[in-house]
Amino acid sequence: MSFAPVSAQRVRRIAPMSEEATQSMSDRGDNRSRQPQSSAFRDFIGSGWGPRPTELPARERVADFLNDRTLKAGAPFPGERLVVPAGPYKVRSNDCDYRFRAHSAFAHLSGLGGEKEPDTVLVLEPNDDGTHTPLLFFKPRASRSSKEFYADARYGEFWVGARPSLEELSAQTGLETRHIDTLRDALAKDAGTVQLRVVRGVDANVEAMVNEVRAQASLPAGEDARKEDEALEEHLSEIRLIKDAFELDEMIRAVEVTKAGFEDIIRVLPRAVGHRRGERVIEGAFRAVAREEGNGEGYETIAASGNHANTLHWIDNDGEVREGDLVLVDAGVEVDSLYTADITRTLPVNGRFTEVQARVYQAVLDACEAALARANEPGCRFKDVHDAAMTVIAARLHEWGILPVTPEESLATTGQQHRRWMPHGTSHHLGLDVHDCAKARAELYQGALLEPGMVFTIEPGLYFRADDLLIPEEYRGIGVRIEDDVVVNADGTVTRISEDIPRTIADVEEWIASVQSR
């Protein structure tokens, strides 16, 4: 193939583009708007505003718990400076960000929930007595005479609302607050004599700043400091294994709102049946409650009808909801403090379980009850809860002629055939993260004795995929999970926080009928 010569006229059209290409890529997002640049405009937009409120905001309840959390966080690291970033915004598409959600370690130690405050950093400053003082570094609002006020889409008051002042944030949290611009000097103070640790993978700019200070002070930096940094992250995860009174109240609130979300799901089930994406009708109903009453969903809602319930993390939610199906809904509301519930209910779409559906459902429910009963026995370890549930699951599969070996052979570590139909764990800790305390050591997680203040899930299931040829045809396409949130009380007993969300066959059927008749 031959090409004709490019004409002179065509060359002249291309030339100006090469000159424009000198504009940096980072500046090109501003090309879509024409921002006024005149001094007259700047003077005018900065004038004529009423006074700001002079009364400081009330101290939040969580502030009363932060000192104890700081003591626990810093205890293994006396004399060291500990850096816990909140994290920045994360880009969703081009110049649009996801809603901000702080790193959980930061939220726990600062008490800041909701969407507060991106790019903030908590520093635990070492004291001579081995304790630490929490210092909150953040960017307060600018004056209305500044360009930031009207022109900065990230921080500007015109764009994101008025950020608090240093004094206001201190009044809310009870913490000492400092301007973020002073962070580097604070990190560098006595560096070399004072060691630094940072929670990695949260804020690249803060992490780079810490490593720069370390390098200048001849301290291990980058990969050479990974072990020390990860020890901090591990410890900050482990101190959340036991919830304080504020956290327990927030967990109860999260479950209450989640129940309201499930009731809205039940209300829309008839509409979901007639919709080509009925699963999204269910998802949308729950999401509306989560945003109206809390910060949002604690994780992506699973709304899995029919055979989709056998995909454990089905979040596409783009399928139909059919009469006669079961719909498995795994959802939790994250309240404004960022604590989340995690509840699963498997609902008969038409309000009634079939005989086979009820048989499978009852087996899962019995596994739930066995797990809770084991949790209430003295000396129970976290891993024992799972084992109790699996004993029931293996026995039922054997009764139905599905398990190819005896229950005892399957429950042995050399067997585990029953896990084909129940492949996930029965429990996980719950709190600021739906899978809370995930960086804790195994001996403090699976191997730990249950202690007062622990909050975790109990969620066995049975999953019979439609294409599973090793099971009788009547079971194929049925997936059931029942998940409750439980707490270890001060006296060592374990109770369901989610007790008021119906779970037995009769109660679920009555619940559906009652909600849909209102």
Protein backbone atom coordinates (compact mmCIF):
# COMPACT_ATOMS: atom_id res chain seq x y z
CA MET A 1 0.00 0.00 0.00
CA SER A 2 1.32 3.46 -0.93
CA PHE A 3 0.57 6.75 0.83
CA ALA A 4 0.09 10.15 -0.73
CA PRO A 5 2.36 12.96 0.51
CA VAL A 6 0.97 15.05 3.36
CA SER A 7 -0.06 18.45 2.01
CA ALA A 8 1.42 21.70 3.29
CA GLN A 9 -2.04 22.73 4.40
CA ARG A 10 -2.32 19.56 6.53
CA VAL A 11 1.10 20.24 8.08
CA ARG A 12 0.04 23.75 9.08
CA ARG A 13 -3.01 22.33 10.85
CA ILE A 14 -0.90 19.94 12.91
CA ALA A 15 1.76 22.46 13.94
CA PRO A 16 -0.22 24.35 16.61
CA MET A 17 -0.92 21.06 18.40
CA SER A 18 2.78 20.53 19.02
CA GLU A 19 2.92 23.90 20.78
CA GLU A 20 -0.08 23.06 22.95
CA ALA A 21 1.53 19.78 23.90
CA THR A 22 3.90 21.72 26.19
CA GLN A 23 1.01 22.07 28.67
CA SER A 24 1.55 19.53 31.46
CA MET A 25 -0.84 16.62 31.66
CA SER A 26 -1.69 17.51 35.25
CA ASP A 27 -2.89 20.96 34.16
CA ARG A 28 -5.13 19.77 31.35
CA GLY A 29 -8.07 18.99 33.58
CA ASP A 30 -8.57 22.74 33.89
CA ASN A 31 -9.17 23.08 30.15
CA ARG A 32 -12.88 22.38 30.53
CA SER A 33 -13.55 25.55 32.54
CA ARG A 34 -12.71 29.25 32.28
CA GLN A 35 -11.88 30.46 35.75
CA PRO A 36 -11.80 34.24 36.28
CA GLN A 37 -8.25 35.48 36.91
CA SER A 38 -8.70 39.22 37.40
CA SER A 39 -7.75 40.88 40.67
CA ALA A 40 -11.14 42.59 40.60
CA PHE A 41 -12.86 39.20 40.70
CA ARG A 42 -10.62 37.91 43.49
CA ASP A 43 -11.30 40.97 45.61
CA PHE A 44 -15.02 40.79 44.92
CA ILE A 45 -15.54 37.08 45.63
CA GLY A 46 -13.60 37.35 48.86
CA SER A 47 -15.74 40.15 50.23
CA GLY A 48 -19.20 40.54 51.69
CA TRP A 49 -19.49 37.30 53.63
CA GLY A 50 -21.11 37.08 57.04
CA PRO A 51 -19.11 36.14 60.14
CA ARG A 52 -18.40 32.52 60.87
CA PRO A 53 -19.92 30.92 63.96
CA THR A 54 -17.84 31.65 67.04
CA GLU A 55 -19.16 28.80 69.19
CA LEU A 56 -17.00 25.68 69.07
CA PRO A 57 -18.68 22.34 68.27
CA ALA A 58 -19.52 19.98 71.09
CA ARG A 59 -17.03 17.33 72.15
CA GLU A 60 -18.03 14.03 70.59
CA ARG A 61 -18.63 11.00 72.81
CA VAL A 62 -15.88 9.00 71.13
CA ALA A 63 -13.33 11.53 72.40
CA ASP A 64 -13.66 10.00 75.88
CA PHE A 65 -12.27 6.71 74.56
CA LEU A 66 -9.32 7.99 72.53
CA ASN A 67 -6.82 8.28 75.38
CA ASP A 68 -7.19 4.58 76.24
CA ARG A 69 -6.86 3.63 72.57
CA THR A 70 -3.69 5.73 72.31
CA LEU A 71 -2.19 4.02 75.35
CA LYS A 72 -2.86 0.60 73.85
CA ALA A 73 -1.56 1.63 70.42
CA GLY A 74 1.71 2.99 71.72
CA ALA A 75 2.45 0.50 74.50
CA PRO A 76 4.87 -1.76 72.54
CA PHE A 77 6.72 1.22 71.04
CA PRO A 78 7.95 3.50 73.86
CA GLY A 79 10.10 6.38 72.66
CA GLU A 80 9.08 5.89 69.02
CA ARG A 81 7.11 8.24 66.78
CA LEU A 82 4.15 6.44 65.18
CA VAL A 83 2.58 7.78 61.99
CA VAL A 84 -0.97 6.79 61.06
CA PRO A 85 -2.32 8.44 57.86
CA ALA A 86 -6.01 8.77 57.10
CA GLY A 87 -5.28 8.43 53.39
CA PRO A 88 -6.11 10.60 50.37
CA TYR A 89 -9.01 10.52 47.98
CA LYS A 90 -8.88 7.67 45.45
CA VAL A 91 -9.61 8.38 41.79
CA ARG A 92 -12.76 6.80 40.43
CA SER A 93 -12.48 8.14 36.89
CA ASN A 94 -10.27 10.89 35.50
CA ASP A 95 -10.73 13.78 37.97
CA CYS A 96 -13.66 12.28 39.88
CA ASP A 97 -12.92 10.60 43.20
CA TYR A 98 -14.62 7.95 45.24
CA ARG A 99 -16.18 9.13 48.46
CA PHE A 100 -13.47 9.42 51.06
CA ARG A 101 -13.22 6.73 53.70
CA ALA A 102 -10.38 6.92 56.22
CA HIS A 103 -8.06 3.99 56.92
CA SER A 104 -9.54 2.03 59.81
CA ALA A 105 -6.50 2.37 62.10
CA PHE A 106 -6.72 6.14 61.72
CA ALA A 107 -10.48 6.17 62.33
CA HIS A 108 -10.04 4.07 65.46
CA LEU A 109 -7.38 6.31 67.00
CA SER A 110 -8.79 9.68 65.91
CA GLY A 111 -12.50 9.00 66.28
CA LEU A 112 -13.13 10.65 62.92
CA GLY A 113 -15.82 8.88 60.92
CA GLY A 114 -18.06 9.85 58.03
CA GLU A 115 -16.04 11.34 55.21
CA LYS A 116 -13.63 13.29 57.45
CA GLU A 117 -10.80 14.31 56.81
CA PRO A 118 -8.81 13.32 53.69
CA ASP A 119 -5.03 13.79 53.80
CA THR A 120 -5.04 14.03 57.59
CA VAL A 121 -2.30 12.33 59.60
CA LEU A 122 -2.31 11.19 63.22
CA VAL A 123 1.11 11.15 64.87
CA LEU A 124 1.60 9.46 68.23
CA GLU A 125 4.38 11.58 69.69
CA PRO A 126 6.54 9.80 72.29
CA ASN A 127 6.69 11.11 75.86
CA ASP A 128 9.50 10.69 78.37
CA ASP A 129 7.39 8.29 80.46
CA GLY A 130 6.92 5.83 77.57
CA THR A 131 3.42 6.99 76.68
CA HIS A 132 2.38 8.90 73.58
CA THR A 133 0.49 12.10 72.85
CA PRO A 134 -1.78 11.99 69.78
CA LEU A 135 -1.28 14.94 67.40
CA LEU A 136 -3.72 15.46 64.56
CA PHE A 137 -2.19 17.11 61.47
CA PHE A 138 -4.69 18.33 58.92
CA LYS A 139 -5.49 21.13 56.49
CA PRO A 140 -7.97 23.59 58.01
CA ARG A 141 -10.19 25.83 55.93
CA ALA A 142 -8.59 28.79 54.21
CA SER A 143 -9.77 32.37 54.49
CA ARG A 144 -12.43 33.59 52.09
CA SER A 145 -9.93 36.02 50.62
CA SER A 146 -7.69 33.16 49.41
CA LYS A 147 -7.78 31.63 45.96
CA GLU A 148 -8.29 28.23 47.60
CA PHE A 149 -11.70 29.43 48.82
CA TYR A 150 -13.22 29.51 45.34
CA ALA A 151 -10.73 27.78 43.04
CA ASP A 152 -9.53 24.59 44.78
CA ALA A 153 -11.84 21.68 43.96
CA ARG A 154 -10.12 19.47 46.54
CA TYR A 155 -10.19 21.75 49.58
CA GLY A 156 -12.03 24.91 48.56
CA GLU A 157 -15.09 25.90 50.55
CA PHE A 158 -17.06 26.66 47.39
CA TRP A 159 -16.45 23.09 46.22
CA VAL A 160 -16.50 20.83 49.27
CA GLY A 161 -17.93 23.01 52.02
CA ALA A 162 -16.20 24.64 54.94
CA ARG A 163 -13.53 22.50 56.51
CA PRO A 164 -13.15 22.87 60.28
CA SER A 165 -10.57 25.11 61.88
CA LEU A 166 -7.81 23.72 64.07
CA GLU A 167 -9.73 24.82 67.15
CA GLU A 168 -13.01 23.28 65.98
CA LEU A 169 -11.51 19.88 65.22
CA SER A 170 -9.70 19.88 68.54
CA ALA A 171 -12.95 20.66 70.35
CA GLN A 172 -14.69 17.73 68.63
CA THR A 173 -11.99 15.13 69.16
CA GLY A 174 -10.24 16.34 72.29
CA LEU A 175 -6.95 15.96 70.40
CA GLU A 176 -4.21 18.50 69.86
CA THR A 177 -4.39 19.69 66.25
CA ARG A 178 -1.69 21.13 64.01
CA HIS A 179 -1.52 22.38 60.44
CA ILE A 180 -0.54 19.71 57.93
CA ASP A 181 2.20 22.01 56.61
CA THR A 182 4.12 21.45 59.85
CA LEU A 183 4.09 17.66 59.54
CA ARG A 184 7.54 17.24 58.05
CA ASP A 185 9.23 19.30 60.75
CA ALA A 186 7.39 17.31 63.40
CA LEU A 187 8.55 14.02 61.88
CA ALA A 188 12.14 15.23 61.63
CA LYS A 189 12.37 16.40 65.24
CA ASP A 190 15.16 14.40 66.95
CA ALA A 191 15.02 11.85 64.12
CA GLY A 192 17.82 9.39 64.68
CA THR A 193 17.37 9.55 68.42
CA VAL A 194 13.65 8.94 67.90
CA GLN A 195 12.69 6.04 65.65
CA LEU A 196 9.78 6.33 63.20
CA ARG A 197 7.16 3.81 62.15
CA VAL A 198 4.41 4.39 59.59
CA VAL A 199 1.33 2.44 58.51
CA ARG A 200 2.23 1.54 54.95
CA GLY A 201 0.12 1.52 51.82
CA VAL A 202 -2.26 4.25 52.99
CA ASP A 203 -0.79 7.55 51.78
CA ALA A 204 2.17 7.42 49.39
CA ASN A 205 3.12 11.05 50.05
CA VAL A 206 3.23 10.60 53.81
CA GLU A 207 5.12 7.34 53.46
CA ALA A 208 7.68 9.03 51.19
CA MET A 209 8.05 11.87 53.71
CA VAL A 210 8.71 9.41 56.53
CA ASN A 211 11.30 7.56 54.46
CA GLU A 212 13.00 10.82 53.49
CA VAL A 213 13.30 11.81 57.15
CA ARG A 214 14.57 8.34 58.02
CA ALA A 215 17.20 8.40 55.30
CA GLN A 216 18.46 11.83 56.31
CA ALA A 217 18.76 10.61 59.90
CA SER A 218 20.53 7.41 58.81
CA LEU A 219 17.60 5.28 59.97
CA PRO A 220 16.40 2.19 58.09
CA ALA A 221 14.03 3.31 55.35
CA GLY A 222 11.92 1.78 52.60
CA GLU A 223 12.19 -2.01 52.47
CA ASP A 224 14.76 -1.97 55.24
CA ALA A 225 12.06 -0.67 57.59
CA ARG A 226 9.26 -2.95 56.43
CA LYS A 227 9.46 -5.30 59.40
CA GLU A 228 9.18 -2.41 61.89
CA ASP A 229 6.31 -0.77 60.00
CA GLU A 230 4.36 -4.00 59.65
CA ALA A 231 4.73 -4.65 63.38
CA LEU A 232 2.90 -1.36 63.94
CA GLU A 233 0.14 -2.26 61.48
CA GLU A 234 -0.21 -5.67 63.09
CA HIS A 235 -0.52 -4.17 66.56
CA LEU A 236 -3.07 -1.54 65.50
CA SER A 237 -5.18 -4.36 64.09
CA GLU A 238 -4.88 -6.47 67.23
CA ILE A 239 -5.97 -3.76 69.65
CA ARG A 240 -9.32 -3.67 67.83
CA LEU A 241 -10.04 -7.31 68.71
CA ILE A 242 -11.64 -6.10 71.94
CA LYS A 243 -14.25 -3.38 71.47
CA ASP A 244 -14.85 -0.62 74.01
CA ALA A 245 -18.29 0.59 75.12
CA PHE A 246 -18.51 3.20 72.36
CA GLU A 247 -17.72 0.62 69.69
CA LEU A 248 -20.27 -1.86 71.04
CA ASP A 249 -22.99 0.79 70.95
CA GLU A 250 -22.08 1.62 67.35
CA MET A 251 -22.25 -2.05 66.40
CA ILE A 252 -25.74 -2.31 67.89
CA ARG A 253 -26.79 0.79 65.95
CA ALA A 254 -25.36 -0.65 62.72
CA VAL A 255 -27.37 -3.84 63.15
CA GLU A 256 -30.57 -1.88 63.89
CA VAL A 257 -30.25 0.12 60.69
CA THR A 258 -29.34 -3.00 58.74
CA LYS A 259 -32.60 -4.61 59.87
CA ALA A 260 -34.45 -1.59 58.44
CA GLY A 261 -32.61 -2.13 55.17
CA PHE A 262 -33.71 -5.77 55.04
CA GLU A 263 -37.29 -4.75 55.63
CA ASP A 264 -37.12 -2.41 52.65
CA ILE A 265 -35.76 -5.34 50.64
CA ILE A 266 -38.80 -7.40 51.63
CA ARG A 267 -41.10 -4.55 50.54
CA VAL A 268 -39.60 -4.47 47.03
CA LEU A 269 -39.53 -8.24 46.43
CA PRO A 270 -42.75 -8.17 44.36
CA ARG A 271 -41.29 -5.44 42.14
CA ALA A 272 -37.98 -7.30 41.91
CA VAL A 273 -39.77 -10.34 40.48
CA GLY A 274 -41.02 -8.30 37.54
CA HIS A 275 -37.74 -6.53 36.81
CA ARG A 276 -35.12 -7.77 34.35
CA ARG A 277 -32.48 -6.96 36.98
CA GLY A 278 -34.44 -7.83 40.05
CA GLU A 279 -31.29 -8.36 42.10
CA ARG A 280 -30.44 -4.69 41.61
CA VAL A 281 -33.88 -3.69 42.81
CA ILE A 282 -32.96 -5.47 46.05
CA GLU A 283 -29.49 -3.93 46.16
CA GLY A 284 -30.88 -0.45 45.53
CA ALA A 285 -33.48 -0.70 48.28
CA PHE A 286 -30.82 -1.58 50.83
CA ARG A 287 -28.39 1.06 49.58
CA ALA A 288 -31.00 3.79 50.00
CA VAL A 289 -31.43 2.96 53.68
CA ALA A 290 -27.67 2.71 54.18
CA ARG A 291 -27.14 6.22 52.84
CA GLU A 292 -30.18 7.75 54.51
CA GLU A 293 -29.43 6.34 57.96
CA GLY A 294 -25.68 5.75 57.90
CA ASN A 295 -22.51 6.46 55.99
CA GLY A 296 -23.37 3.85 53.37
CA GLU A 297 -22.89 0.14 52.81
CA GLY A 298 -20.12 -1.48 54.82
CA TYR A 299 -19.25 -3.56 51.74
CA GLU A 300 -20.77 -4.34 48.38
CA THR A 301 -24.19 -5.90 48.91
CA ILE A 302 -24.69 -9.46 47.72
CA ALA A 303 -28.21 -9.92 46.32
CA ALA A 304 -28.08 -13.40 44.86
CA SER A 305 -31.24 -15.09 43.61
CA GLY A 306 -31.47 -18.76 42.73
CA ASN A 307 -28.22 -20.33 41.59
CA HIS A 308 -26.37 -17.01 41.96
CA ALA A 309 -26.42 -17.68 45.73
CA ASN A 310 -23.82 -20.37 45.10
CA THR A 311 -21.28 -17.76 44.02
CA LEU A 312 -20.01 -16.67 47.41
CA HIS A 313 -19.20 -13.07 46.50
CA TRP A 314 -21.89 -12.45 43.91
CA ILE A 315 -21.94 -8.65 43.66
CA ASP A 316 -22.86 -8.25 39.98
CA ASN A 317 -26.49 -8.37 41.11
CA ASP A 318 -27.71 -8.24 37.54
CA GLY A 319 -29.94 -11.30 37.49
CA GLU A 320 -33.65 -11.87 37.58
CA VAL A 321 -35.53 -12.72 40.76
CA ARG A 322 -38.02 -15.50 40.10
CA GLU A 323 -41.05 -16.79 41.97
CA GLY A 324 -40.09 -19.92 43.86
CA ASP A 325 -36.43 -18.93 44.22
CA LEU A 326 -34.53 -18.21 47.38
CA VAL A 327 -32.65 -14.92 47.40
CA LEU A 328 -29.53 -14.72 49.54
CA VAL A 329 -28.84 -11.18 50.73
CA ASP A 330 -25.55 -10.43 52.49
CA ALA A 331 -25.51 -6.76 53.48
CA GLY A 332 -24.53 -4.40 56.24
CA VAL A 333 -24.93 -0.71 56.99
CA GLU A 334 -21.82 1.26 57.91
CA VAL A 335 -22.94 3.95 60.35
CA ASP A 336 -21.35 7.41 60.44
CA SER A 337 -18.66 6.27 62.89
CA LEU A 338 -17.63 3.71 60.20
CA TYR A 339 -18.62 0.62 62.20
CA THR A 340 -20.48 -1.88 60.08
CA ALA A 341 -22.94 -4.70 60.52
CA ASP A 342 -22.68 -7.88 58.45
CA ILE A 343 -25.94 -9.80 58.14
CA THR A 344 -27.08 -12.52 55.75
CA ARG A 345 -30.62 -13.71 55.38
CA THR A 346 -31.89 -16.15 52.78
CA LEU A 347 -35.46 -15.24 51.88
CA PRO A 348 -38.09 -17.16 49.88
CA VAL A 349 -39.08 -14.76 47.13
CA ASN A 350 -42.77 -15.69 47.31
CA GLY A 351 -42.78 -15.77 51.10
CA ARG A 352 -42.80 -19.56 51.55
CA PHE A 353 -40.03 -22.16 51.61
CA THR A 354 -40.51 -25.32 49.60
CA GLU A 355 -39.91 -28.63 51.38
CA VAL A 356 -36.41 -29.02 49.97
CA GLN A 357 -35.50 -25.37 50.54
CA ALA A 358 -36.67 -25.67 54.15
CA ARG A 359 -34.60 -28.83 54.62
CA VAL A 360 -31.43 -27.09 53.51
CA TYR A 361 -32.27 -23.92 55.42
CA GLN A 362 -32.90 -25.81 58.65
CA ALA A 363 -29.56 -27.59 58.37
CA VAL A 364 -27.77 -24.25 58.10
CA LEU A 365 -29.82 -22.82 60.97
CA ASP A 366 -28.93 -25.83 63.14
CA ALA A 367 -25.26 -25.23 62.33
CA CYS A 368 -25.68 -21.61 63.47
CA GLU A 369 -27.20 -22.74 66.76
CA ALA A 370 -24.47 -25.30 67.34
CA ALA A 371 -21.81 -22.67 66.73
CA LEU A 372 -23.40 -20.24 69.20
CA ALA A 373 -23.79 -22.99 71.79
CA ARG A 374 -20.10 -23.86 71.47
CA ALA A 375 -19.17 -20.19 71.82
CA ASN A 376 -20.98 -20.18 75.16
CA GLU A 377 -18.97 -23.06 76.55
CA PRO A 378 -16.05 -22.22 78.88
CA GLY A 379 -12.65 -22.27 77.23
CA CYS A 380 -13.99 -21.83 73.69
CA ARG A 381 -11.44 -20.67 71.15
CA PHE A 382 -12.38 -18.76 68.02
CA LYS A 383 -11.66 -21.73 65.74
CA ASP A 384 -13.95 -23.98 67.81
CA VAL A 385 -17.00 -22.02 66.61
CA HIS A 386 -16.31 -23.08 63.04
CA ASP A 387 -15.71 -26.68 64.03
CA ALA A 388 -19.07 -26.88 65.80
CA ALA A 389 -20.90 -25.62 62.73
CA MET A 390 -19.06 -28.03 60.45
CA THR A 391 -20.02 -31.00 62.62
CA VAL A 392 -23.68 -30.28 61.86
CA ILE A 393 -23.07 -29.62 58.17
CA ALA A 394 -21.16 -32.89 57.69
CA ALA A 395 -23.84 -34.87 59.54
CA ARG A 396 -26.67 -33.47 57.39
CA LEU A 397 -24.82 -34.06 54.15
CA HIS A 398 -24.30 -37.66 55.25
CA GLU A 399 -27.98 -38.07 56.17
CA TRP A 400 -28.97 -36.89 52.70
CA GLY A 401 -26.62 -39.35 51.00
CA ILE A 402 -24.45 -36.59 49.58
CA LEU A 403 -21.26 -37.00 51.60
CA PRO A 404 -19.11 -39.76 50.08
CA VAL A 405 -17.50 -40.70 53.42
CA THR A 406 -18.59 -40.81 57.06
CA PRO A 407 -18.93 -37.50 58.90
CA GLU A 408 -15.94 -38.41 61.05
CA GLU A 409 -13.77 -39.07 58.00
CA SER A 410 -14.86 -35.82 56.40
CA LEU A 411 -14.26 -33.74 59.54
CA ALA A 412 -10.69 -35.08 59.85
CA THR A 413 -7.99 -32.80 58.44
CA THR A 414 -7.19 -35.54 55.93
CA GLY A 415 -10.76 -35.47 54.61
CA GLN A 416 -12.79 -32.25 54.52
CA GLN A 417 -15.06 -33.45 51.71
CA HIS A 418 -17.98 -31.53 53.23
CA ARG A 419 -16.18 -28.27 52.44
CA ARG A 420 -17.14 -28.74 48.78
CA TRP A 421 -20.56 -27.46 49.84
CA MET A 422 -19.40 -25.05 52.57
CA PRO A 423 -16.03 -23.69 51.41
CA HIS A 424 -15.69 -20.55 53.55
CA GLY A 425 -15.02 -19.90 57.22
CA THR A 426 -17.86 -19.67 59.70
CA SER A 427 -16.70 -16.57 61.56
CA HIS A 428 -14.67 -13.40 61.30
CA HIS A 429 -14.19 -10.41 63.56
CA LEU A 430 -16.35 -7.37 62.81
CA GLY A 431 -16.04 -3.66 63.51
CA LEU A 432 -14.54 -0.80 61.52
CA ASP A 433 -13.88 -3.30 58.74
CA VAL A 434 -16.31 -5.99 57.73
CA HIS A 435 -13.39 -8.40 58.11
CA ASP A 436 -11.96 -6.56 61.07
CA CYS A 437 -8.55 -7.08 62.65
CA ALA A 438 -7.39 -8.93 59.55
CA LYS A 439 -3.70 -8.23 60.20
CA ALA A 440 -3.76 -9.85 63.64
CA ARG A 441 -1.54 -12.84 64.31
CA ALA A 442 -3.18 -16.27 63.97
CA GLU A 443 -2.68 -17.07 67.64
CA LEU A 444 -4.67 -13.95 68.55
CA TYR A 445 -7.35 -14.67 65.96
CA GLN A 446 -8.17 -18.32 65.19
CA GLY A 447 -6.30 -19.59 68.23
CA ALA A 448 -7.58 -17.05 70.72
CA LEU A 449 -9.89 -17.71 73.63
CA LEU A 450 -13.11 -15.74 73.32
CA GLU A 451 -12.93 -12.61 75.48
CA PRO A 452 -15.46 -9.99 76.55
CA GLY A 453 -15.73 -7.23 73.96
CA MET A 454 -15.10 -9.43 70.93
CA VAL A 455 -17.62 -8.99 68.11
CA PHE A 456 -17.73 -11.55 65.34
CA THR A 457 -20.03 -13.27 62.86
CA ILE A 458 -21.48 -16.75 62.76
CA GLU A 459 -22.31 -17.56 59.12
CA PRO A 460 -22.43 -21.17 57.96
CA GLY A 461 -23.99 -22.03 54.64
CA LEU A 462 -24.71 -24.75 52.13
CA TYR A 463 -24.15 -24.16 48.43
CA PHE A 464 -25.50 -26.62 45.88
CA ARG A 465 -24.52 -25.39 42.45
CA ALA A 466 -26.84 -26.07 39.55
CA ASP A 467 -24.12 -27.95 37.66
CA ASP A 468 -23.04 -30.15 40.59
CA LEU A 469 -23.53 -33.73 39.42
CA LEU A 470 -22.57 -35.22 42.79
CA ILE A 471 -25.82 -34.18 44.47
CA PRO A 472 -29.44 -35.19 43.90
CA GLU A 473 -31.16 -33.02 41.33
CA GLU A 474 -33.68 -31.65 43.84
CA TYR A 475 -30.89 -29.78 45.67
CA ARG A 476 -29.26 -28.23 42.63
CA GLY A 477 -29.43 -24.45 42.40
CA ILE A 478 -30.17 -23.94 46.12
CA GLY A 479 -27.82 -21.76 48.14
CA VAL A 480 -28.42 -20.82 51.78
CA ARG A 481 -26.41 -18.73 54.22
CA ILE A 482 -27.51 -17.38 57.58
CA GLU A 483 -25.24 -14.81 59.20
CA ASP A 484 -25.56 -13.15 62.57
CA ASP A 485 -23.37 -10.72 64.49
CA VAL A 486 -22.54 -11.76 68.04
CA VAL A 487 -20.80 -10.20 71.04
CA VAL A 488 -18.94 -11.70 73.98
CA ASN A 489 -20.47 -10.09 77.06
CA ALA A 490 -18.72 -9.04 80.25
CA ASP A 491 -19.75 -12.28 81.96
CA GLY A 492 -18.31 -14.39 79.13
CA THR A 493 -21.65 -15.33 77.57
CA VAL A 494 -22.09 -14.84 73.84
CA THR A 495 -25.29 -13.34 72.44
CA ARG A 496 -26.57 -12.32 69.05
CA ILE A 497 -26.63 -8.57 68.46
CA SER A 498 -28.89 -9.41 65.52
CA GLU A 499 -31.41 -11.42 67.54
CA ASP A 500 -34.27 -9.18 66.37
CA ILE A 501 -33.73 -10.00 62.70
CA PRO A 502 -35.91 -13.08 62.07
CA ARG A 503 -34.04 -16.27 61.23
CA THR A 504 -36.16 -19.39 61.81
CA ILE A 505 -38.29 -20.71 58.97
CA ALA A 506 -41.57 -19.77 60.64
CA ASP A 507 -40.30 -16.34 61.71
CA VAL A 508 -38.91 -15.50 58.27
CA GLU A 509 -42.17 -16.42 56.57
CA GLU A 510 -44.16 -14.42 59.11
CA TRP A 511 -41.72 -11.48 58.75
CA ILE A 512 -42.17 -11.35 54.99
CA ALA A 513 -45.95 -11.50 55.28
CA SER A 514 -46.01 -8.83 57.97
CA VAL A 515 -43.73 -6.35 56.20
CA GLN A 516 -45.49 -6.73 52.86
CA SER A 517 -48.90 -6.19 54.45
CA ARG A 518 -48.00 -2.84 56.05
